[in-house]
C-alpha atoms as a PDB file:
ATOM      1  CA  MET A   1     -18.295  51.368 -48.041  1.00  0.00           C
ATOM      2  CA  PHE A   2     -19.747  52.908 -44.898  1.00  0.00           C
ATOM      3  CA  HIS A   3     -19.444  49.576 -43.028  1.00  0.00           C
ATOM      4  CA  ASN A   4     -23.096  49.693 -42.035  1.00  0.00           C
ATOM      5  CA  ILE A   5     -26.420  48.404 -43.331  1.00  0.00           C
ATOM      6  CA  THR A   6     -26.804  51.298 -45.784  1.00  0.00           C
ATOM      7  CA  ASP A   7     -24.048  49.731 -47.894  1.00  0.00           C
ATOM      8  CA  VAL A   8     -26.866  47.495 -49.154  1.00  0.00           C
ATOM      9  CA  PRO A   9     -28.449  49.217 -52.176  1.00  0.00           C
ATOM     10  CA  GLY A  10     -31.934  50.508 -51.470  1.00  0.00           C
ATOM     11  CA  ILE A  11     -31.546  50.780 -47.683  1.00  0.00           C
ATOM     12  CA  GLU A  12     -31.705  54.091 -45.815  1.00  0.00           C
ATOM     13  CA  VAL A  13     -31.522  54.659 -42.055  1.00  0.00           C
ATOM     14  CA  GLY A  14     -32.593  57.524 -39.807  1.00  0.00           C
ATOM     15  CA  HIS A  15     -32.438  58.011 -36.039  1.00  0.00           C
ATOM     16  CA  VAL A  16     -34.118  60.194 -33.425  1.00  0.00           C
ATOM     17  CA  GLU A  17     -33.475  60.383 -29.677  1.00  0.00           C
ATOM     18  CA  ASP A  18     -35.353  61.810 -26.721  1.00  0.00           C
ATOM     19  CA  LYS A  19     -32.329  62.638 -24.587  1.00  0.00           C
ATOM     20  CA  THR A  20     -34.433  63.777 -21.647  1.00  0.00           C
ATOM     21  CA  GLY A  21     -36.694  60.742 -21.589  1.00  0.00           C
ATOM     22  CA  ILE A  22     -33.729  58.517 -22.596  1.00  0.00           C
ATOM     23  CA  THR A  23     -35.317  56.625 -25.447  1.00  0.00           C
ATOM     24  CA  GLY A  24     -35.305  56.752 -29.227  1.00  0.00           C
ATOM     25  CA  CYS A  25     -36.220  55.156 -32.512  1.00  0.00           C
ATOM     26  CA  THR A  26     -34.554  54.052 -35.722  1.00  0.00           C
ATOM     27  CA  ALA A  27     -36.224  53.823 -39.129  1.00  0.00           C
ATOM     28  CA  VAL A  28     -34.785  51.352 -41.652  1.00  0.00           C
ATOM     29  CA  LEU A  29     -36.331  52.274 -45.005  1.00  0.00           C
ATOM     30  CA  ALA A  30     -36.621  50.176 -48.161  1.00  0.00           C
ATOM     31  CA  LYS A  31     -38.506  52.661 -50.320  1.00  0.00           C
ATOM     32  CA  ASN A  32     -38.492  50.419 -53.384  1.00  0.00           C
ATOM     33  CA  GLY A  33     -39.936  47.565 -51.350  1.00  0.00           C
ATOM     34  CA  ALA A  34     -38.161  44.511 -49.964  1.00  0.00           C
ATOM     35  CA  VAL A  35     -39.087  40.898 -49.386  1.00  0.00           C
ATOM     36  CA  CYS A  36     -39.090  40.392 -45.624  1.00  0.00           C
ATOM     37  CA  GLY A  37     -38.910  37.525 -43.170  1.00  0.00           C
ATOM     38  CA  VAL A  38     -38.747  37.493 -39.382  1.00  0.00           C
ATOM     39  CA  ASP A  39     -37.731  35.092 -36.640  1.00  0.00           C
ATOM     40  CA  VAL A  40     -38.674  35.708 -33.012  1.00  0.00           C
ATOM     41  CA  ARG A  41     -36.645  33.666 -30.529  1.00  0.00           C
ATOM     42  CA  GLY A  42     -37.166  35.573 -27.289  1.00  0.00           C
ATOM     43  CA  SER A  43     -40.170  34.745 -25.120  1.00  0.00           C
ATOM     44  CA  ALA A  44     -41.171  38.327 -24.287  1.00  0.00           C
ATOM     45  CA  PRO A  45     -41.336  40.065 -27.681  1.00  0.00           C
ATOM     46  CA  GLY A  46     -42.857  43.413 -28.536  1.00  0.00           C
ATOM     47  CA  THR A  47     -43.575  43.331 -32.262  1.00  0.00           C
ATOM     48  CA  ARG A  48     -45.860  44.680 -34.965  1.00  0.00           C
ATOM     49  CA  GLU A  49     -46.995  43.240 -38.332  1.00  0.00           C
ATOM     50  CA  THR A  50     -44.979  40.037 -37.911  1.00  0.00           C
ATOM     51  CA  ASP A  51     -48.009  37.921 -38.855  1.00  0.00           C
ATOM     52  CA  ALA A  52     -48.029  39.614 -42.262  1.00  0.00           C
ATOM     53  CA  LEU A  53     -44.518  38.245 -42.838  1.00  0.00           C
ATOM     54  CA  ASP A  54     -45.609  34.615 -42.536  1.00  0.00           C
ATOM     55  CA  PRO A  55     -44.793  33.019 -45.916  1.00  0.00           C
ATOM     56  CA  ILE A  56     -48.375  31.779 -46.299  1.00  0.00           C
ATOM     57  CA  ASN A  57     -49.793  35.309 -46.085  1.00  0.00           C
ATOM     58  CA  GLU A  58     -50.484  37.707 -48.948  1.00  0.00           C
ATOM     59  CA  ILE A  59     -48.162  40.671 -48.360  1.00  0.00           C
ATOM     60  CA  GLN A  60     -44.944  40.160 -50.327  1.00  0.00           C
ATOM     61  CA  HIS A  61     -43.008  43.376 -49.669  1.00  0.00           C
ATOM     62  CA  VAL A  62     -42.391  45.792 -46.830  1.00  0.00           C
ATOM     63  CA  HIS A  63     -41.270  49.408 -47.076  1.00  0.00           C
ATOM     64  CA  ALA A  64     -39.573  49.954 -43.712  1.00  0.00           C
ATOM     65  CA  ILE A  65     -38.766  48.404 -40.352  1.00  0.00           C
ATOM     66  CA  SER A  66     -39.260  50.321 -37.110  1.00  0.00           C
ATOM     67  CA  LEU A  67     -36.877  49.727 -34.190  1.00  0.00           C
ATOM     68  CA  ALA A  68     -37.873  51.675 -31.095  1.00  0.00           C
ATOM     69  CA  GLY A  69     -37.609  52.165 -27.364  1.00  0.00           C
ATOM     70  CA  GLY A  70     -40.446  52.600 -24.912  1.00  0.00           C
ATOM     71  CA  SER A  71     -41.611  48.996 -24.617  1.00  0.00           C
ATOM     72  CA  ALA A  72     -45.026  48.309 -26.199  1.00  0.00           C
ATOM     73  CA  PHE A  73     -45.790  52.039 -26.233  1.00  0.00           C
ATOM     74  CA  GLY A  74     -42.926  52.468 -28.705  1.00  0.00           C
ATOM     75  CA  LEU A  75     -44.724  50.426 -31.351  1.00  0.00           C
ATOM     76  CA  GLU A  76     -46.450  53.736 -32.077  1.00  0.00           C
ATOM     77  CA  ALA A  77     -43.273  54.946 -33.839  1.00  0.00           C
ATOM     78  CA  ALA A  78     -44.094  52.735 -36.826  1.00  0.00           C
ATOM     79  CA  SER A  79     -47.257  54.768 -37.425  1.00  0.00           C
ATOM     80  CA  GLY A  80     -45.134  57.865 -37.948  1.00  0.00           C
ATOM     81  CA  ILE A  81     -42.902  56.018 -40.402  1.00  0.00           C
ATOM     82  CA  MET A  82     -46.042  54.902 -42.240  1.00  0.00           C
ATOM     83  CA  ARG A  83     -47.324  58.461 -42.432  1.00  0.00           C
ATOM     84  CA  TYR A  84     -44.037  59.706 -43.874  1.00  0.00           C
ATOM     85  CA  LEU A  85     -43.957  56.973 -46.525  1.00  0.00           C
ATOM     86  CA  ALA A  86     -47.624  57.471 -47.417  1.00  0.00           C
ATOM     87  CA  GLU A  87     -46.929  61.148 -48.049  1.00  0.00           C
ATOM     88  CA  GLN A  88     -44.248  60.029 -50.516  1.00  0.00           C
ATOM     89  CA  LYS A  89     -46.757  57.662 -52.172  1.00  0.00           C
ATOM     90  CA  ILE A  90     -44.658  54.673 -51.086  1.00  0.00           C
ATOM     91  CA  GLY A  91     -46.540  51.509 -50.202  1.00  0.00           C
ATOM     92  CA  VAL A  92     -49.129  49.048 -51.426  1.00  0.00           C
ATOM     93  CA  ASP A  93     -51.560  50.503 -53.960  1.00  0.00           C
ATOM     94  CA  ALA A  94     -54.979  49.760 -52.463  1.00  0.00           C
ATOM     95  CA  LEU A  95     -56.822  51.785 -55.138  1.00  0.00           C
ATOM     96  CA  VAL A  96     -58.209  54.346 -52.717  1.00  0.00           C
ATOM     97  CA  ALA A  97     -55.027  54.685 -50.633  1.00  0.00           C
ATOM     98  CA  THR A  98     -51.314  53.921 -50.552  1.00  0.00           C
ATOM     99  CA  ILE A  99     -50.557  51.746 -47.543  1.00  0.00           C
ATOM    100  CA  PRO A 100     -46.908  51.367 -46.463  1.00  0.00           C
ATOM    101  CA  ILE A 101     -46.100  48.055 -44.761  1.00  0.00           C
ATOM    102  CA  VAL A 102     -43.955  48.752 -41.695  1.00  0.00           C
ATOM    103  CA  PRO A 103     -43.261  45.879 -39.290  1.00  0.00           C
ATOM    104  CA  GLY A 104     -41.393  46.715 -36.124  1.00  0.00           C
ATOM    105  CA  ALA A 105     -40.030  45.673 -32.759  1.00  0.00           C
ATOM    106  CA  VAL A 106     -39.338  47.449 -29.486  1.00  0.00           C
ATOM    107  CA  ILE A 107     -37.035  47.282 -26.483  1.00  0.00           C
ATOM    108  CA  PHE A 108     -37.830  48.023 -22.846  1.00  0.00           C
ATOM    109  CA  ASP A 109     -35.727  51.041 -21.833  1.00  0.00           C
ATOM    110  CA  LEU A 110     -38.002  52.501 -19.152  1.00  0.00           C
ATOM    111  CA  PHE A 111     -35.492  51.974 -16.321  1.00  0.00           C
ATOM    112  CA  LEU A 112     -33.539  55.019 -17.496  1.00  0.00           C
ATOM    113  CA  GLY A 113     -34.804  58.578 -17.704  1.00  0.00           C
ATOM    114  CA  ASP A 114     -38.546  59.191 -17.675  1.00  0.00           C
ATOM    115  CA  PRO A 115     -40.495  55.899 -17.432  1.00  0.00           C
ATOM    116  CA  THR A 116     -43.435  57.570 -19.186  1.00  0.00           C
ATOM    117  CA  ALA A 117     -41.291  58.499 -22.208  1.00  0.00           C
ATOM    118  CA  TYR A 118     -41.417  56.344 -25.320  1.00  0.00           C
ATOM    119  CA  ALA A 119     -40.788  56.515 -29.044  1.00  0.00           C
ATOM    120  CA  THR A 120     -43.794  58.341 -30.489  1.00  0.00           C
ATOM    121  CA  ALA A 121     -45.346  58.515 -33.948  1.00  0.00           C
ATOM    122  CA  GLU A 122     -43.812  61.975 -34.300  1.00  0.00           C
ATOM    123  CA  MET A 123     -40.360  60.548 -33.575  1.00  0.00           C
ATOM    124  CA  GLY A 124     -40.953  57.796 -36.127  1.00  0.00           C
ATOM    125  CA  TYR A 125     -41.899  60.369 -38.747  1.00  0.00           C
ATOM    126  CA  GLU A 126     -38.795  62.420 -37.987  1.00  0.00           C
ATOM    127  CA  ALA A 127     -36.529  59.358 -38.131  1.00  0.00           C
ATOM    128  CA  ALA A 128     -37.967  58.406 -41.530  1.00  0.00           C
ATOM    129  CA  ASN A 129     -37.572  61.973 -42.766  1.00  0.00           C
ATOM    130  CA  LYS A 130     -33.909  61.927 -41.685  1.00  0.00           C
ATOM    131  CA  ALA A 131     -33.193  58.537 -43.259  1.00  0.00           C
ATOM    132  CA  LYS A 132     -30.406  58.395 -45.813  1.00  0.00           C
ATOM    133  CA  ALA A 133     -27.847  56.073 -47.299  1.00  0.00           C
ATOM    134  CA  GLY A 134     -24.576  56.956 -45.648  1.00  0.00           C
ATOM    135  CA  PRO A 135     -22.533  56.708 -42.465  1.00  0.00           C
ATOM    136  CA  PHE A 136     -24.066  56.988 -39.003  1.00  0.00           C
ATOM    137  CA  GLU A 137     -22.789  56.664 -35.460  1.00  0.00           C
ATOM    138  CA  ASN A 138     -22.981  53.511 -33.385  1.00  0.00           C
ATOM    139  CA  GLY A 139     -23.678  53.363 -29.655  1.00  0.00           C
ATOM    140  CA  ASN A 140     -26.008  55.862 -27.968  1.00  0.00           C
ATOM    141  CA  ILE A 141     -28.138  56.619 -31.001  1.00  0.00           C
ATOM    142  CA  GLY A 142     -31.691  56.035 -32.167  1.00  0.00           C
ATOM    143  CA  ALA A 143     -33.407  53.019 -30.651  1.00  0.00           C
ATOM    144  CA  GLY A 144     -30.193  52.193 -28.794  1.00  0.00           C
ATOM    145  CA  TYR A 145     -30.121  55.398 -26.770  1.00  0.00           C
ATOM    146  CA  GLY A 146     -31.609  53.840 -23.638  1.00  0.00           C
ATOM    147  CA  ALA A 147     -30.364  50.276 -24.175  1.00  0.00           C
ATOM    148  CA  THR A 148     -28.624  48.375 -21.366  1.00  0.00           C
ATOM    149  CA  VAL A 149     -27.094  44.912 -20.926  1.00  0.00           C
ATOM    150  CA  GLY A 150     -26.303  42.537 -18.061  1.00  0.00           C
ATOM    151  CA  LYS A 151     -29.462  42.618 -15.925  1.00  0.00           C
ATOM    152  CA  VAL A 152     -29.704  38.999 -14.764  1.00  0.00           C
ATOM    153  CA  ALA A 153     -28.667  39.968 -11.217  1.00  0.00           C
ATOM    154  CA  GLY A 154     -30.886  43.062 -11.339  1.00  0.00           C
ATOM    155  CA  PRO A 155     -30.854  46.356 -13.250  1.00  0.00           C
ATOM    156  CA  GLN A 156     -28.590  47.965 -10.642  1.00  0.00           C
ATOM    157  CA  TYR A 157     -25.680  45.933 -12.046  1.00  0.00           C
ATOM    158  CA  CYS A 158     -26.213  46.672 -15.740  1.00  0.00           C
ATOM    159  CA  MET A 159     -24.017  48.517 -18.221  1.00  0.00           C
ATOM    160  CA  LYS A 160     -24.782  50.609 -21.258  1.00  0.00           C
ATOM    161  CA  GLY A 161     -25.844  48.800 -24.420  1.00  0.00           C
ATOM    162  CA  GLY A 162     -26.586  50.514 -27.696  1.00  0.00           C
ATOM    163  CA  LEU A 163     -27.119  50.357 -31.438  1.00  0.00           C
ATOM    164  CA  GLY A 164     -24.555  48.896 -33.819  1.00  0.00           C
ATOM    165  CA  SER A 165     -24.246  48.222 -37.512  1.00  0.00           C
ATOM    166  CA  SER A 166     -21.874  46.531 -39.951  1.00  0.00           C
ATOM    167  CA  SER A 167     -21.646  45.166 -43.475  1.00  0.00           C
ATOM    168  CA  ILE A 168     -19.786  42.454 -45.378  1.00  0.00           C
ATOM    169  CA  ARG A 169     -19.018  42.149 -49.079  1.00  0.00           C
ATOM    170  CA  GLY A 170     -19.567  38.729 -50.590  1.00  0.00           C
ATOM    171  CA  LYS A 171     -19.207  37.150 -54.003  1.00  0.00           C
ATOM    172  CA  GLU A 172     -19.791  39.255 -57.092  1.00  0.00           C
ATOM    173  CA  ASP A 173     -21.721  42.361 -55.977  1.00  0.00           C
ATOM    174  CA  LEU A 174     -23.327  40.838 -52.886  1.00  0.00           C
ATOM    175  CA  VAL A 175     -23.525  43.052 -49.792  1.00  0.00           C
ATOM    176  CA  VAL A 176     -24.914  41.872 -46.456  1.00  0.00           C
ATOM    177  CA  GLY A 177     -25.594  44.497 -43.808  1.00  0.00           C
ATOM    178  CA  ALA A 178     -26.861  44.351 -40.234  1.00  0.00           C
ATOM    179  CA  ILE A 179     -28.200  46.791 -37.666  1.00  0.00           C
ATOM    180  CA  VAL A 180     -29.025  45.821 -34.093  1.00  0.00           C
ATOM    181  CA  VAL A 181     -30.183  47.253 -30.780  1.00  0.00           C
ATOM    182  CA  VAL A 182     -28.515  45.386 -27.918  1.00  0.00           C
ATOM    183  CA  ASN A 183     -30.626  45.537 -24.753  1.00  0.00           C
ATOM    184  CA  ALA A 184     -30.008  41.987 -23.533  1.00  0.00           C
ATOM    185  CA  VAL A 185     -30.579  40.551 -20.078  1.00  0.00           C
ATOM    186  CA  GLY A 186     -27.301  38.680 -20.561  1.00  0.00           C
ATOM    187  CA  ASP A 187     -23.659  39.615 -21.006  1.00  0.00           C
ATOM    188  CA  VAL A 188     -21.954  40.406 -24.299  1.00  0.00           C
ATOM    189  CA  ARG A 189     -18.763  38.476 -25.023  1.00  0.00           C
ATOM    190  CA  ASP A 190     -16.258  38.883 -27.819  1.00  0.00           C
ATOM    191  CA  PRO A 191     -16.812  35.770 -29.983  1.00  0.00           C
ATOM    192  CA  LYS A 192     -13.096  35.623 -30.813  1.00  0.00           C
ATOM    193  CA  THR A 193     -11.741  35.729 -27.257  1.00  0.00           C
ATOM    194  CA  TYR A 194     -14.865  34.748 -25.242  1.00  0.00           C
ATOM    195  CA  GLU A 195     -14.060  37.640 -22.900  1.00  0.00           C
ATOM    196  CA  THR A 196     -16.958  39.636 -21.448  1.00  0.00           C
ATOM    197  CA  ILE A 197     -16.954  43.162 -22.857  1.00  0.00           C
ATOM    198  CA  ALA A 198     -20.231  44.387 -21.339  1.00  0.00           C
ATOM    199  CA  GLY A 199     -22.670  42.918 -18.854  1.00  0.00           C
ATOM    200  CA  GLY A 200     -23.540  42.600 -15.199  1.00  0.00           C
ATOM    201  CA  ARG A 201     -20.842  44.218 -13.084  1.00  0.00           C
ATOM    202  CA  ASP A 202     -20.404  44.919  -9.386  1.00  0.00           C
ATOM    203  CA  ALA A 203     -19.279  48.543  -9.335  1.00  0.00           C
ATOM    204  CA  LYS A 204     -17.861  48.209  -5.801  1.00  0.00           C
ATOM    205  CA  THR A 205     -15.519  45.338  -6.617  1.00  0.00           C
ATOM    206  CA  GLY A 206     -15.142  45.955 -10.346  1.00  0.00           C
ATOM    207  CA  LYS A 207     -15.843  42.272 -10.998  1.00  0.00           C
ATOM    208  CA  TRP A 208     -18.106  40.815 -13.652  1.00  0.00           C
ATOM    209  CA  ILE A 209     -21.247  38.974 -12.579  1.00  0.00           C
ATOM    210  CA  ASP A 210     -21.377  35.945 -14.860  1.00  0.00           C
ATOM    211  CA  SER A 211     -25.015  35.924 -15.923  1.00  0.00           C
ATOM    212  CA  CYS A 212     -25.102  32.258 -16.903  1.00  0.00           C
ATOM    213  CA  GLU A 213     -23.587  31.170 -13.588  1.00  0.00           C
ATOM    214  CA  PHE A 214     -25.943  33.474 -11.689  1.00  0.00           C
ATOM    215  CA  LEU A 215     -28.945  31.860 -13.373  1.00  0.00           C
ATOM    216  CA  LYS A 216     -27.751  28.404 -12.381  1.00  0.00           C
ATOM    217  CA  GLU A 217     -26.888  29.335  -8.807  1.00  0.00           C
ATOM    218  CA  GLN A 218     -30.055  31.339  -8.137  1.00  0.00           C
ATOM    219  CA  ASN A 219     -32.427  29.150 -10.181  1.00  0.00           C
ATOM    220  CA  GLY A 220     -33.543  32.203 -12.118  1.00  0.00           C
ATOM    221  CA  SER A 221     -33.000  35.876 -12.762  1.00  0.00           C
ATOM    222  CA  MET A 222     -33.638  39.010 -10.726  1.00  0.00           C
ATOM    223  CA  ALA A 223     -34.629  40.845 -13.917  1.00  0.00           C
ATOM    224  CA  LEU A 224     -38.277  41.511 -14.664  1.00  0.00           C
ATOM    225  CA  PRO A 225     -39.875  39.600 -17.569  1.00  0.00           C
ATOM    226  CA  GLY A 226     -40.077  41.589 -20.776  1.00  0.00           C
ATOM    227  CA  THR A 227     -37.538  44.212 -19.716  1.00  0.00           C
ATOM    228  CA  ASN A 228     -34.840  43.080 -22.124  1.00  0.00           C
ATOM    229  CA  THR A 229     -34.445  42.304 -25.825  1.00  0.00           C
ATOM    230  CA  THR A 230     -32.066  42.343 -28.774  1.00  0.00           C
ATOM    231  CA  ILE A 231     -33.764  43.438 -31.998  1.00  0.00           C
ATOM    232  CA  GLY A 232     -32.237  43.874 -35.420  1.00  0.00           C
ATOM    233  CA  VAL A 233     -32.417  43.873 -39.189  1.00  0.00           C
ATOM    234  CA  VAL A 234     -30.285  42.170 -41.835  1.00  0.00           C
ATOM    235  CA  ALA A 235     -30.447  43.409 -45.429  1.00  0.00           C
ATOM    236  CA  VAL A 236     -29.040  41.646 -48.501  1.00  0.00           C
ATOM    237  CA  ASN A 237     -29.064  42.707 -52.143  1.00  0.00           C
ATOM    238  CA  ALA A 238     -30.118  39.187 -53.101  1.00  0.00           C
ATOM    239  CA  LYS A 239     -33.344  37.771 -54.492  1.00  0.00           C
ATOM    240  CA  LEU A 240     -35.340  36.088 -51.737  1.00  0.00           C
ATOM    241  CA  THR A 241     -38.747  34.600 -51.126  1.00  0.00           C
ATOM    242  CA  LYS A 242     -40.440  35.214 -47.784  1.00  0.00           C
ATOM    243  CA  SER A 243     -39.593  31.645 -46.743  1.00  0.00           C
ATOM    244  CA  GLU A 244     -35.935  32.204 -47.613  1.00  0.00           C
ATOM    245  CA  ALA A 245     -35.856  35.513 -45.751  1.00  0.00           C
ATOM    246  CA  LYS A 246     -37.283  33.783 -42.686  1.00  0.00           C
ATOM    247  CA  LYS A 247     -34.642  31.051 -42.891  1.00  0.00           C
ATOM    248  CA  ILE A 248     -31.860  33.642 -43.039  1.00  0.00           C
ATOM    249  CA  ALA A 249     -33.408  35.337 -40.000  1.00  0.00           C
ATOM    250  CA  GLN A 250     -33.227  31.999 -38.175  1.00  0.00           C
ATOM    251  CA  LEU A 251     -29.582  31.562 -39.144  1.00  0.00           C
ATOM    252  CA  THR A 252     -28.796  35.128 -38.074  1.00  0.00           C
ATOM    253  CA  HIS A 253     -29.799  34.248 -34.519  1.00  0.00           C
ATOM    254  CA  ASN A 254     -26.589  32.193 -34.422  1.00  0.00           C
ATOM    255  CA  ALA A 255     -24.824  35.537 -34.023  1.00  0.00           C
ATOM    256  CA  LEU A 256     -26.784  36.273 -30.871  1.00  0.00           C
ATOM    257  CA  ALA A 257     -25.945  32.826 -29.504  1.00  0.00           C
ATOM    258  CA  ARG A 258     -22.237  33.461 -30.134  1.00  0.00           C
ATOM    259  CA  THR A 259     -22.128  36.880 -28.463  1.00  0.00           C
ATOM    260  CA  ILE A 260     -24.848  37.105 -25.778  1.00  0.00           C
ATOM    261  CA  TYR A 261     -24.861  34.880 -22.669  1.00  0.00           C
ATOM    262  CA  PRO A 262     -27.588  33.832 -21.964  1.00  0.00           C
ATOM    263  CA  VAL A 263     -29.794  34.644 -24.941  1.00  0.00           C
ATOM    264  CA  HIS A 264     -33.342  33.821 -26.127  1.00  0.00           C
ATOM    265  CA  THR A 265     -34.522  33.663 -22.527  1.00  0.00           C
ATOM    266  CA  MET A 266     -37.988  34.012 -21.025  1.00  0.00           C
ATOM    267  CA  LEU A 267     -36.920  37.572 -20.190  1.00  0.00           C
ATOM    268  CA  ASP A 268     -35.890  38.615 -23.726  1.00  0.00           C
ATOM    269  CA  GLY A 269     -37.895  39.362 -26.867  1.00  0.00           C
ATOM    270  CA  ASP A 270     -35.104  38.711 -29.362  1.00  0.00           C
ATOM    271  CA  THR A 271     -36.345  39.424 -32.893  1.00  0.00           C
ATOM    272  CA  ILE A 272     -34.524  39.541 -36.247  1.00  0.00           C
ATOM    273  CA  PHE A 273     -35.937  40.816 -39.553  1.00  0.00           C
ATOM    274  CA  VAL A 274     -34.342  40.090 -42.940  1.00  0.00           C
ATOM    275  CA  LEU A 275     -34.809  42.257 -46.039  1.00  0.00           C
ATOM    276  CA  GLY A 276     -34.059  41.096 -49.591  1.00  0.00           C
ATOM    277  CA  THR A 277     -33.611  43.940 -52.091  1.00  0.00           C
ATOM    278  CA  GLY A 278     -31.835  42.337 -55.062  1.00  0.00           C
ATOM    279  CA  ASP A 279     -32.432  40.168 -58.115  1.00  0.00           C
ATOM    280  CA  ARG A 280     -29.526  37.691 -57.985  1.00  0.00           C
ATOM    281  CA  ARG A 281     -29.816  34.362 -56.209  1.00  0.00           C
ATOM    282  CA  TYR A 282     -27.287  32.840 -53.792  1.00  0.00           C
ATOM    283  CA  SER A 283     -27.120  29.767 -51.570  1.00  0.00           C
ATOM    284  CA  LEU A 284     -29.193  30.208 -48.418  1.00  0.00           C
ATOM    285  CA  ASP A 285     -26.459  28.712 -46.254  1.00  0.00           C
ATOM    286  CA  TYR A 286     -23.982  31.179 -47.753  1.00  0.00           C
ATOM    287  CA  LEU A 287     -26.281  34.132 -47.099  1.00  0.00           C
ATOM    288  CA  GLY A 288     -27.036  32.876 -43.604  1.00  0.00           C
ATOM    289  CA  GLN A 289     -23.357  32.588 -42.742  1.00  0.00           C
ATOM    290  CA  LEU A 290     -22.615  36.128 -43.915  1.00  0.00           C
ATOM    291  CA  ALA A 291     -25.713  37.455 -42.166  1.00  0.00           C
ATOM    292  CA  ALA A 292     -24.617  35.928 -38.858  1.00  0.00           C
ATOM    293  CA  GLU A 293     -21.093  37.307 -39.259  1.00  0.00           C
ATOM    294  CA  ALA A 294     -22.419  40.794 -40.026  1.00  0.00           C
ATOM    295  CA  MET A 295     -24.747  40.626 -37.033  1.00  0.00           C
ATOM    296  CA  GLU A 296     -21.931  39.491 -34.730  1.00  0.00           C
ATOM    297  CA  GLU A 297     -19.886  42.521 -35.700  1.00  0.00           C
ATOM    298  CA  ALA A 298     -22.892  44.821 -35.299  1.00  0.00           C
ATOM    299  CA  ILE A 299     -23.519  43.512 -31.767  1.00  0.00           C
ATOM    300  CA  ILE A 300     -19.905  44.107 -30.785  1.00  0.00           C
ATOM    301  CA  ASN A 301     -19.999  47.598 -32.324  1.00  0.00           C
ATOM    302  CA  ALA A 302     -23.163  48.395 -30.362  1.00  0.00           C
ATOM    303  CA  VAL A 303     -21.504  47.871 -26.977  1.00  0.00           C
ATOM    304  CA  LYS A 304     -17.973  48.992 -27.849  1.00  0.00           C
ATOM    305  CA  LYS A 305     -19.231  52.316 -29.217  1.00  0.00           C
ATOM    306  CA  ALA A 306     -21.698  52.936 -26.379  1.00  0.00           C
ATOM    307  CA  GLN A 307     -20.985  55.917 -24.132  1.00  0.00           C
ATOM    308  CA  PRO A 308     -21.576  56.042 -20.373  1.00  0.00           C
ATOM    309  CA  LEU A 309     -24.929  57.547 -19.437  1.00  0.00           C
ATOM    310  CA  GLY A 310     -25.627  58.949 -15.997  1.00  0.00           C
ATOM    311  CA  GLN A 311     -24.232  56.444 -13.505  1.00  0.00           C
ATOM    312  CA  LEU A 312     -24.032  53.674 -16.109  1.00  0.00           C
ATOM    313  CA  GLU A 313     -20.599  52.536 -17.182  1.00  0.00           C
ATOM    314  CA  SER A 314     -19.892  51.508 -20.763  1.00  0.00           C
ATOM    315  CA  TYR A 315     -17.223  49.429 -22.456  1.00  0.00           C
ATOM    316  CA  GLU A 316     -15.487  52.622 -23.506  1.00  0.00           C
ATOM    317  CA  SER A 317     -15.537  54.198 -20.045  1.00  0.00           C
ATOM    318  CA  LEU A 318     -14.076  51.031 -18.502  1.00  0.00           C
ATOM    319  CA  GLN A 319     -11.245  51.099 -21.033  1.00  0.00           C
ATOM    320  CA  ARG A 320     -10.286  54.566 -19.811  1.00  0.00           C
ATOM    321  CA  LYS A 321      -9.863  53.404 -16.203  1.00  0.00           C
END
């Protein structure tokens, strides 16, 4: 196993970064099609095609998920992923055209680098073209390249976030994988020790700024609305309906609640997609538990593998001090 989401059969992942603009995108491909559900818990989301995933609507399968930087501008990356898939004749057969279904979500990473830089359609195409089943780095990669965490007291106190992935083997041949971009307004804590591992930090004193306490003391945040978000994808080689995929997405948000403090705020756009690629059925509660555990590990990997960038510290750089 690669210990990432590509351990799930049928899932491929590709990444592209703009290291000058400090942004990027990640393409999660399901070329054979996957049942998809989504749950949006943050109050400042940037999403695409999520209405199509409503269980009452017609579309039953998607062919990729786009995760990108650049705020709402970065939604453009999904168009490039669509173009790549259409060239491969992957998508819905609409008689006169093949139309790939590519939902997506974005993070706000415009504080770093060039604020006019964003994940473009060309970057989406390149990420899809690079996608493969196999190992990939965590941290400063793809859509996580410009991610930061711990901005409740203001962006000047933040640390480097990033992209993380993980996978868990279940009963029989079940595999549950997760990939996530951690760009939260809050702090990230280890769910086993409850210790903060990345978040708001006063560089002069070296002390953590407890984001939850700051919110209570200041009656709000110094962060700008919509400038934060944790977005991710869970994939399972299980048979799902759209309603079941949505329920697993809801249960996966438990992972965010166990690792990010605070989470699902008015300042975040937290969004989780779930992909079902298999033909064997399992208990929804069982799948939801494994999905949350995989997502927890992916969140921790995202910040522990992040590298310092410019003046921004990371978990790893603090460990070297």
